[in-house]
Amino acid sequence: MLRNRDATPGAPTWPTMTFRWPRAVATAFSILFVIYAAWSVVVNYADPPGIDFVSFWAAGRMAVEGAPAAAYDIHLHRLLELSVGKLGGLQPFPYPPPFLLFVLPFGMAPFVIAFGSWVAITAALYFVVFKRIAPWPYTFAHPANFSNALVGQNGMLTSAIFAGGFSVLDRRPLLAGALFGLLVIKPQLAVLIPVALLAERRWRVIAAATASAAALLAIAYLAFGADTYRAFFANAAHQATLVTGRIPWPKIASAFGALRTMGVPVLPALIVHGVIALGAAAVTWAAWRRNLTTKVPIVAAASLLVSPYLLGHDSVLMMVPIGWLIVNQRRPATVVLLWAISILAVAAVGPNPTPIAAIIAIVVMWQEAAQPDPVSEARVPASAAAF
């Protein structure tokens, strides 16, 4: 439900008075997203361009055929990818074995059907979770969603898991922990979740998350065998090179990637990135220790500042602080600014500005937490204020 802190009896509300045209633009973008996703399926049927999802599909197909360890063999994996698409470069499978459990069902289907199903299912999961964070017109308006629909990446899936855990944190802590544990498939996005939970001493959630992650790792081990884990770790050296130039630097949505785009050497770029990451962890700890009403959007934005290896499609997490501003009817200019920065981040034409958007969101959320909000504080659990 939309809440307006500054509303007075008889005064026009923020969505109808201040934000009418951005709401119309958001509606158009959300509709365009659906059309765009359908168009992506048609393109991949007519002339498959070797999109990111081909890596998921090939890994899933290898698991279906009883050779899951081959998903981490660059040459075998590439041969299968080339059977369904044109590849201009490498499309490795850098994910831990538990992610094979997610892509295996799609490996059972022909590539185009698998791609369309993947986009539809991950978009549906994202919609179910994020409709509580932002009203429908804004749900799919974030530019990173278009990137996920075009190449079949997992940004909508991982963002839904991340936000879904926080959405049930107060009401169903064990379920929240179980959801957080699923992020073992992409652990770089989950680094600050333990920081937040430890700050509030959420021991049950931490235990559930640990059990969930351990169970997923164990299931993958039983399903795919020790050889698959050995292949994954043997391939770790190649995976590490992903942040040293194999991917064009403008596509790396971290502070490290932005600095490398500007020509900063590796070591200074890593040092600066490390300082920013430590700052993000400190801000997360402070926000959750103080039980700020904006602590959920803060940890979401801060999570985009931790890993050196972050791509534009992961910036869907910015919809958490953006959604908070929309639902609480605050700072429409900031919403437009964050949205505009996201376009530049997805376009990948220069230093990726995702870290700038995340830092702006953190500063704004911290300022908003200092504002009195007796209505929302009385009605909304603090840890779920973004939802």
Protein backbone atom coordinates (compact mmCIF):
# COMPACT_ATOMS: atom_id res chain seq x y z
CA MET A 1 0.00 0.00 0.00
CA LEU A 2 1.30 3.46 -0.84
CA ARG A 3 2.10 5.59 2.16
CA ASN A 4 2.61 9.37 2.03
CA ARG A 5 4.45 10.82 5.02
CA ASP A 6 3.80 14.40 4.00
CA ALA A 7 0.16 13.99 3.01
CA THR A 8 -2.39 16.37 4.44
CA PRO A 9 -6.17 15.96 4.28
CA GLY A 10 -7.41 16.87 0.84
CA ALA A 11 -3.94 17.25 -0.68
CA PRO A 12 -3.06 15.39 -3.88
CA THR A 13 -0.96 12.32 -3.23
CA TRP A 14 2.57 11.92 -4.55
CA PRO A 15 1.81 9.35 -7.26
CA THR A 16 -0.96 11.41 -8.86
CA MET A 17 0.49 14.88 -8.37
CA THR A 18 4.28 14.62 -8.66
CA PHE A 19 4.90 11.37 -10.42
CA ARG A 20 2.14 11.00 -12.99
CA TRP A 21 4.34 11.00 -16.07
CA PRO A 22 7.07 8.70 -14.65
CA ARG A 23 4.30 6.28 -13.67
CA ALA A 24 3.05 6.31 -17.25
CA VAL A 25 6.61 5.79 -18.50
CA ALA A 26 7.05 2.90 -16.07
CA THR A 27 3.83 1.31 -17.31
CA ALA A 28 5.06 1.59 -20.88
CA PHE A 29 8.39 0.06 -19.94
CA SER A 30 6.76 -2.84 -18.11
CA ILE A 31 4.56 -3.58 -21.12
CA LEU A 32 7.59 -3.19 -23.36
CA PHE A 33 9.44 -5.72 -21.19
CA VAL A 34 6.84 -8.40 -21.95
CA ILE A 35 7.03 -7.62 -25.68
CA TYR A 36 10.81 -7.55 -25.53
CA ALA A 37 10.97 -10.93 -23.78
CA ALA A 38 8.72 -12.49 -26.44
CA TRP A 39 10.81 -10.89 -29.18
CA SER A 40 13.97 -12.39 -27.64
CA VAL A 41 12.46 -15.86 -27.91
CA VAL A 42 11.61 -15.28 -31.59
CA VAL A 43 15.13 -14.05 -32.34
CA ASN A 44 16.68 -17.05 -30.62
CA TYR A 45 14.45 -19.34 -32.64
CA ALA A 46 15.22 -17.75 -36.00
CA ASP A 47 18.94 -17.07 -35.58
CA PRO A 48 20.37 -17.98 -32.14
CA PRO A 49 23.08 -15.37 -31.35
CA GLY A 50 24.91 -17.28 -28.62
CA ILE A 51 23.37 -15.54 -25.62
CA ASP A 52 24.30 -16.13 -21.97
CA PHE A 53 21.53 -18.66 -21.44
CA VAL A 54 23.22 -21.04 -23.86
CA SER A 55 25.76 -21.66 -21.08
CA PHE A 56 22.97 -22.62 -18.67
CA TRP A 57 21.27 -24.80 -21.24
CA ALA A 58 24.47 -26.61 -22.22
CA ALA A 59 25.35 -27.27 -18.56
CA GLY A 60 21.84 -28.55 -17.91
CA ARG A 61 21.93 -30.78 -20.99
CA MET A 62 25.27 -32.27 -19.87
CA ALA A 63 23.80 -33.00 -16.45
CA VAL A 64 20.77 -34.64 -18.07
CA GLU A 65 23.06 -36.80 -20.19
CA GLY A 66 24.96 -37.99 -17.13
CA ALA A 67 28.11 -35.90 -17.62
CA PRO A 68 27.68 -32.93 -15.23
CA ALA A 69 31.43 -32.53 -14.73
CA ALA A 70 31.74 -31.73 -18.44
CA ALA A 71 29.91 -28.45 -17.78
CA TYR A 72 33.23 -27.18 -16.40
CA ASP A 73 35.27 -28.41 -19.38
CA ILE A 74 35.59 -25.27 -21.49
CA HIS A 75 36.09 -27.10 -24.77
CA LEU A 76 33.32 -29.71 -24.38
CA HIS A 77 30.95 -27.08 -23.06
CA ARG A 78 31.69 -24.81 -26.01
CA LEU A 79 31.07 -27.57 -28.55
CA LEU A 80 27.57 -28.11 -27.18
CA GLU A 81 26.92 -24.35 -27.11
CA LEU A 82 27.93 -24.05 -30.75
CA SER A 83 25.28 -26.63 -31.67
CA VAL A 84 22.56 -24.06 -30.93
CA GLY A 85 24.12 -20.64 -31.32
CA LYS A 86 26.88 -18.46 -32.69
CA LEU A 87 29.53 -17.60 -30.13
CA GLY A 88 31.87 -14.69 -30.55
CA GLY A 89 33.75 -15.55 -27.38
CA LEU A 90 33.71 -17.89 -24.40
CA GLN A 91 30.47 -18.63 -22.57
CA PRO A 92 31.78 -20.69 -19.64
CA PHE A 93 29.73 -22.09 -16.78
CA PRO A 94 31.33 -20.45 -13.72
CA TYR A 95 28.61 -21.37 -11.22
CA PRO A 96 28.96 -23.88 -8.36
CA PRO A 97 27.40 -27.34 -8.81
CA PRO A 98 24.16 -26.49 -6.93
CA PHE A 99 23.21 -24.23 -9.83
CA LEU A 100 23.15 -27.34 -12.02
CA LEU A 101 20.06 -28.36 -10.05
CA PHE A 102 18.35 -25.17 -11.27
CA VAL A 103 19.30 -25.52 -14.94
CA LEU A 104 19.00 -29.31 -15.28
CA PRO A 105 15.21 -29.23 -16.00
CA PHE A 106 15.81 -26.76 -18.83
CA GLY A 107 18.47 -29.02 -20.31
CA MET A 108 15.71 -31.57 -20.97
CA ALA A 109 14.04 -29.29 -23.53
CA PRO A 110 15.16 -27.96 -26.92
CA PHE A 111 17.12 -24.74 -26.57
CA VAL A 112 14.44 -22.25 -27.66
CA ILE A 113 11.74 -23.81 -25.49
CA ALA A 114 14.17 -23.89 -22.58
CA PHE A 115 15.10 -20.24 -23.11
CA GLY A 116 11.49 -19.06 -23.27
CA SER A 117 10.58 -21.10 -20.20
CA TRP A 118 13.57 -19.76 -18.26
CA VAL A 119 12.69 -16.13 -18.97
CA ALA A 120 9.00 -16.70 -18.20
CA ILE A 121 9.59 -18.58 -14.94
CA THR A 122 12.27 -16.28 -13.56
CA ALA A 123 10.22 -13.23 -14.52
CA ALA A 124 7.17 -14.70 -12.79
CA LEU A 125 9.14 -15.39 -9.60
CA TYR A 126 10.55 -11.88 -9.73
CA PHE A 127 7.07 -10.40 -10.23
CA VAL A 128 5.56 -12.34 -7.32
CA VAL A 129 8.24 -11.07 -4.93
CA PHE A 130 8.73 -7.54 -6.24
CA LYS A 131 5.05 -6.64 -6.55
CA ARG A 132 5.27 -6.17 -2.75
CA ILE A 133 8.24 -3.85 -3.18
CA ALA A 134 6.99 -1.61 -5.99
CA PRO A 135 3.56 -1.16 -7.60
CA TRP A 136 2.96 -3.10 -10.82
CA PRO A 137 3.82 -0.33 -13.30
CA TYR A 138 7.32 -0.12 -11.85
CA THR A 139 8.00 -3.83 -11.40
CA PHE A 140 9.65 -4.53 -14.75
CA ALA A 141 10.66 -0.96 -15.57
CA HIS A 142 14.23 -1.36 -14.31
CA PRO A 143 16.54 -1.50 -17.37
CA ALA A 144 18.43 -4.53 -16.04
CA ASN A 145 15.29 -6.60 -16.49
CA PHE A 146 15.57 -6.06 -20.23
CA SER A 147 19.13 -7.34 -20.12
CA ASN A 148 17.99 -10.46 -18.29
CA ALA A 149 15.21 -11.04 -20.82
CA LEU A 150 17.51 -10.53 -23.80
CA VAL A 151 20.30 -12.92 -22.79
CA GLY A 152 18.48 -15.18 -20.34
CA GLN A 153 20.62 -14.31 -17.33
CA ASN A 154 19.73 -15.05 -13.72
CA GLY A 155 19.42 -11.54 -12.28
CA MET A 156 15.65 -11.75 -11.81
CA LEU A 157 15.99 -15.16 -10.13
CA THR A 158 18.70 -14.17 -7.67
CA SER A 159 17.04 -10.83 -6.89
CA ALA A 160 13.76 -12.64 -6.19
CA ILE A 161 15.54 -15.02 -3.79
CA PHE A 162 17.37 -12.13 -2.07
CA ALA A 163 14.29 -9.92 -1.68
CA GLY A 164 12.01 -12.87 -0.94
CA GLY A 165 14.08 -13.81 2.09
CA PHE A 166 13.87 -10.32 3.54
CA SER A 167 10.14 -10.06 2.77
CA VAL A 168 9.36 -12.92 5.18
CA LEU A 169 12.13 -12.28 7.71
CA ASP A 170 9.85 -11.18 10.56
CA ARG A 171 6.90 -13.45 9.87
CA ARG A 172 8.63 -16.68 8.84
CA PRO A 173 12.30 -16.58 9.89
CA LEU A 174 13.01 -20.21 9.02
CA LEU A 175 11.66 -19.75 5.50
CA ALA A 176 13.72 -16.55 5.18
CA GLY A 177 16.84 -18.49 6.13
CA ALA A 178 15.99 -21.28 3.70
CA LEU A 179 15.68 -18.72 0.90
CA PHE A 180 18.96 -17.03 1.81
CA GLY A 181 20.68 -20.42 1.65
CA LEU A 182 19.66 -20.76 -2.00
CA LEU A 183 22.04 -17.94 -2.84
CA VAL A 184 24.85 -20.47 -2.63
CA ILE A 185 24.26 -20.55 -6.40
CA LYS A 186 25.61 -16.99 -6.58
CA PRO A 187 27.35 -16.32 -3.27
CA GLN A 188 28.84 -12.96 -4.24
CA LEU A 189 25.38 -11.43 -3.84
CA ALA A 190 24.91 -12.89 -0.36
CA VAL A 191 28.08 -11.66 1.37
CA LEU A 192 26.33 -8.96 3.41
CA ILE A 193 23.33 -11.06 4.44
CA PRO A 194 25.26 -12.71 7.31
CA VAL A 195 26.50 -9.25 8.35
CA ALA A 196 22.92 -8.00 8.61
CA LEU A 197 21.68 -11.11 10.42
CA LEU A 198 24.57 -11.13 12.89
CA ALA A 199 24.00 -7.44 13.64
CA GLU A 200 20.44 -8.27 14.75
CA ARG A 201 21.38 -11.63 16.29
CA ARG A 202 18.96 -13.50 14.06
CA TRP A 203 20.28 -16.89 15.12
CA ARG A 204 17.35 -18.94 13.84
CA VAL A 205 17.60 -17.33 10.41
CA ILE A 206 21.37 -17.89 10.34
CA ALA A 207 20.90 -21.55 11.30
CA ALA A 208 18.22 -22.05 8.64
CA ALA A 209 20.37 -20.36 5.98
CA THR A 210 23.37 -22.51 6.90
CA ALA A 211 21.26 -25.66 6.79
CA SER A 212 19.69 -24.66 3.47
CA ALA A 213 23.04 -23.93 1.82
CA ALA A 214 24.57 -27.12 3.21
CA ALA A 215 21.60 -29.19 2.02
CA LEU A 216 21.83 -27.74 -1.49
CA LEU A 217 25.56 -28.45 -1.63
CA ALA A 218 24.99 -31.99 -0.38
CA ILE A 219 22.15 -32.67 -2.83
CA ALA A 220 24.31 -31.47 -5.70
CA TYR A 221 27.14 -33.73 -4.48
CA LEU A 222 24.86 -36.75 -4.32
CA ALA A 223 23.25 -35.95 -7.66
CA PHE A 224 26.37 -35.08 -9.65
CA GLY A 225 29.22 -36.75 -7.79
CA ALA A 226 32.62 -35.74 -6.48
CA ASP A 227 34.04 -35.41 -10.00
CA THR A 228 31.76 -32.46 -10.67
CA TYR A 229 33.01 -30.64 -7.59
CA ARG A 230 36.61 -31.42 -8.52
CA ALA A 231 35.98 -30.08 -12.02
CA PHE A 232 34.44 -26.93 -10.59
CA PHE A 233 37.43 -26.23 -8.33
CA ALA A 234 39.90 -27.15 -11.06
CA ASN A 235 38.20 -24.56 -13.25
CA ALA A 236 38.37 -21.93 -10.51
CA ALA A 237 41.58 -20.44 -11.91
CA HIS A 238 39.83 -19.76 -15.21
CA GLN A 239 36.83 -18.30 -13.40
CA ALA A 240 39.15 -15.92 -11.57
CA THR A 241 40.34 -14.52 -14.87
CA LEU A 242 36.84 -13.24 -15.55
CA VAL A 243 37.72 -10.08 -13.61
CA THR A 244 41.02 -9.51 -15.39
CA GLY A 245 39.78 -8.59 -18.83
CA ARG A 246 38.06 -11.56 -20.47
CA ILE A 247 34.80 -9.64 -20.11
CA PRO A 248 34.80 -6.05 -21.43
CA TRP A 249 35.38 -3.78 -18.44
CA PRO A 250 32.28 -1.58 -19.00
CA LYS A 251 30.14 -4.70 -18.44
CA ILE A 252 31.64 -5.26 -14.98
CA ALA A 253 29.24 -3.38 -12.69
CA SER A 254 31.57 -3.06 -9.71
CA ALA A 255 33.85 -0.29 -8.52
CA PHE A 256 36.77 -2.47 -9.59
CA GLY A 257 35.35 -2.75 -13.11
CA ALA A 258 34.67 0.98 -13.34
CA LEU A 259 38.21 1.81 -12.26
CA ARG A 260 39.70 -0.68 -14.72
CA THR A 261 37.59 0.89 -17.48
CA MET A 262 39.24 4.20 -16.63
CA GLY A 263 42.68 2.63 -16.91
CA VAL A 264 43.48 2.27 -13.21
CA PRO A 265 45.96 -0.61 -12.66
CA VAL A 266 44.68 -3.83 -11.10
CA LEU A 267 46.21 -3.47 -7.61
CA PRO A 268 45.07 0.14 -6.93
CA ALA A 269 41.65 -0.70 -8.38
CA LEU A 270 41.34 -3.69 -6.04
CA ILE A 271 42.45 -1.61 -3.05
CA VAL A 272 39.87 1.10 -3.74
CA HIS A 273 37.22 -1.52 -4.37
CA GLY A 274 38.13 -3.23 -1.08
CA VAL A 275 37.76 0.02 0.84
CA ILE A 276 34.33 0.59 -0.71
CA ALA A 277 33.31 -3.01 0.07
CA LEU A 278 34.40 -2.65 3.70
CA GLY A 279 32.45 0.60 3.90
CA ALA A 280 29.37 -1.17 2.52
CA ALA A 281 29.74 -3.87 5.18
CA ALA A 282 30.13 -1.26 7.92
CA VAL A 283 27.06 0.66 6.77
CA THR A 284 25.06 -2.58 6.63
CA TRP A 285 26.14 -3.52 10.16
CA ALA A 286 25.26 -0.06 11.49
CA ALA A 287 21.87 0.03 9.75
CA TRP A 288 20.85 -3.36 11.10
CA ARG A 289 22.37 -2.81 14.52
CA ARG A 290 20.34 0.38 14.85
CA ASN A 291 17.27 -1.32 13.37
CA LEU A 292 16.72 1.43 10.83
CA THR A 293 13.44 1.39 8.96
CA THR A 294 15.44 1.48 5.71
CA LYS A 295 17.84 -1.34 6.55
CA VAL A 296 16.49 -3.70 3.85
CA PRO A 297 17.08 -1.30 0.93
CA ILE A 298 20.44 -0.42 2.48
CA VAL A 299 21.66 -4.03 2.50
CA ALA A 300 20.34 -4.53 -1.04
CA ALA A 301 22.23 -1.51 -2.40
CA ALA A 302 25.33 -2.29 -0.34
CA SER A 303 25.40 -5.85 -1.71
CA LEU A 304 26.17 -4.38 -5.14
CA LEU A 305 29.38 -2.87 -3.78
CA VAL A 306 31.06 -5.99 -2.41
CA SER A 307 32.10 -8.35 -5.21
CA PRO A 308 34.62 -7.25 -7.87
CA TYR A 309 32.79 -9.58 -10.27
CA LEU A 310 29.34 -8.14 -10.81
CA LEU A 311 27.52 -7.69 -14.11
CA GLY A 312 24.83 -5.26 -15.19
CA HIS A 313 22.04 -7.83 -14.99
CA ASP A 314 22.69 -8.17 -11.23
CA SER A 315 21.73 -4.53 -10.69
CA VAL A 316 18.07 -5.58 -10.56
CA LEU A 317 18.65 -5.44 -6.78
CA MET A 318 18.46 -1.66 -7.09
CA MET A 319 14.69 -2.11 -7.39
CA VAL A 320 14.61 -2.64 -3.61
CA PRO A 321 15.66 0.92 -2.67
CA ILE A 322 13.86 2.34 -5.70
CA GLY A 323 10.70 0.48 -4.69
CA TRP A 324 11.00 1.77 -1.13
CA LEU A 325 11.04 5.35 -2.39
CA ILE A 326 8.04 4.70 -4.65
CA VAL A 327 5.91 2.97 -2.02
CA ASN A 328 6.77 5.53 0.65
CA GLN A 329 6.19 8.38 -1.81
CA ARG A 330 9.61 9.93 -1.29
CA ARG A 331 12.07 11.74 -3.56
CA PRO A 332 10.70 11.25 -7.08
CA ALA A 333 13.74 13.01 -8.53
CA THR A 334 15.99 10.39 -6.92
CA VAL A 335 13.88 7.60 -8.39
CA VAL A 336 14.32 9.09 -11.87
CA LEU A 337 18.06 9.59 -11.28
CA LEU A 338 18.61 5.98 -10.16
CA TRP A 339 16.59 4.73 -13.12
CA ALA A 340 18.61 6.87 -15.54
CA ILE A 341 21.90 5.64 -14.07
CA SER A 342 20.66 2.08 -14.53
CA ILE A 343 20.23 2.69 -18.26
CA LEU A 344 23.88 3.70 -18.50
CA ALA A 345 24.87 0.65 -16.48
CA VAL A 346 23.11 -1.74 -18.84
CA ALA A 347 24.32 0.11 -21.95
CA ALA A 348 27.93 -0.61 -20.87
CA VAL A 349 29.43 2.20 -22.95
CA GLY A 350 31.81 3.59 -20.32
CA PRO A 351 32.75 3.13 -16.66
CA ASN A 352 29.80 1.23 -15.23
CA PRO A 353 27.89 3.59 -12.89
CA THR A 354 26.16 0.89 -10.81
CA PRO A 355 28.40 1.63 -7.76
CA ILE A 356 27.42 5.31 -7.98
CA ALA A 357 23.72 4.38 -7.99
CA ALA A 358 24.24 2.05 -5.03
CA ILE A 359 26.09 4.71 -3.00
CA ILE A 360 23.41 7.32 -3.78
CA ALA A 361 20.73 4.85 -2.67
CA ILE A 362 22.55 4.11 0.59
CA VAL A 363 22.97 7.82 1.41
CA VAL A 364 19.33 8.55 0.62
CA MET A 365 18.10 5.56 2.62
CA TRP A 366 20.18 6.62 5.61
CA GLN A 367 18.72 10.13 5.41
CA GLU A 368 15.19 8.76 5.08
CA ALA A 369 15.65 6.61 8.19
CA ALA A 370 16.24 9.80 10.16
CA GLN A 371 12.86 11.19 9.12
CA PRO A 372 9.92 10.58 11.48
CA ASP A 373 7.39 8.16 10.05
CA PRO A 374 4.92 7.27 12.82
CA VAL A 375 2.34 5.79 10.46
CA SER A 376 4.58 3.30 8.69
CA GLU A 377 6.54 2.48 11.85
CA ALA A 378 3.31 1.55 13.59
CA ARG A 379 2.01 -0.61 10.76
CA VAL A 380 5.08 -2.12 9.11
CA PRO A 381 7.72 -4.35 10.78
CA ALA A 382 11.05 -2.52 10.67
CA SER A 383 12.94 -5.24 8.82
CA ALA A 384 10.20 -5.45 6.20
CA ALA A 385 9.76 -1.70 5.73
CA ALA A 386 10.68 -1.99 2.06
CA PHE A 387 7.90 -4.47 1.45
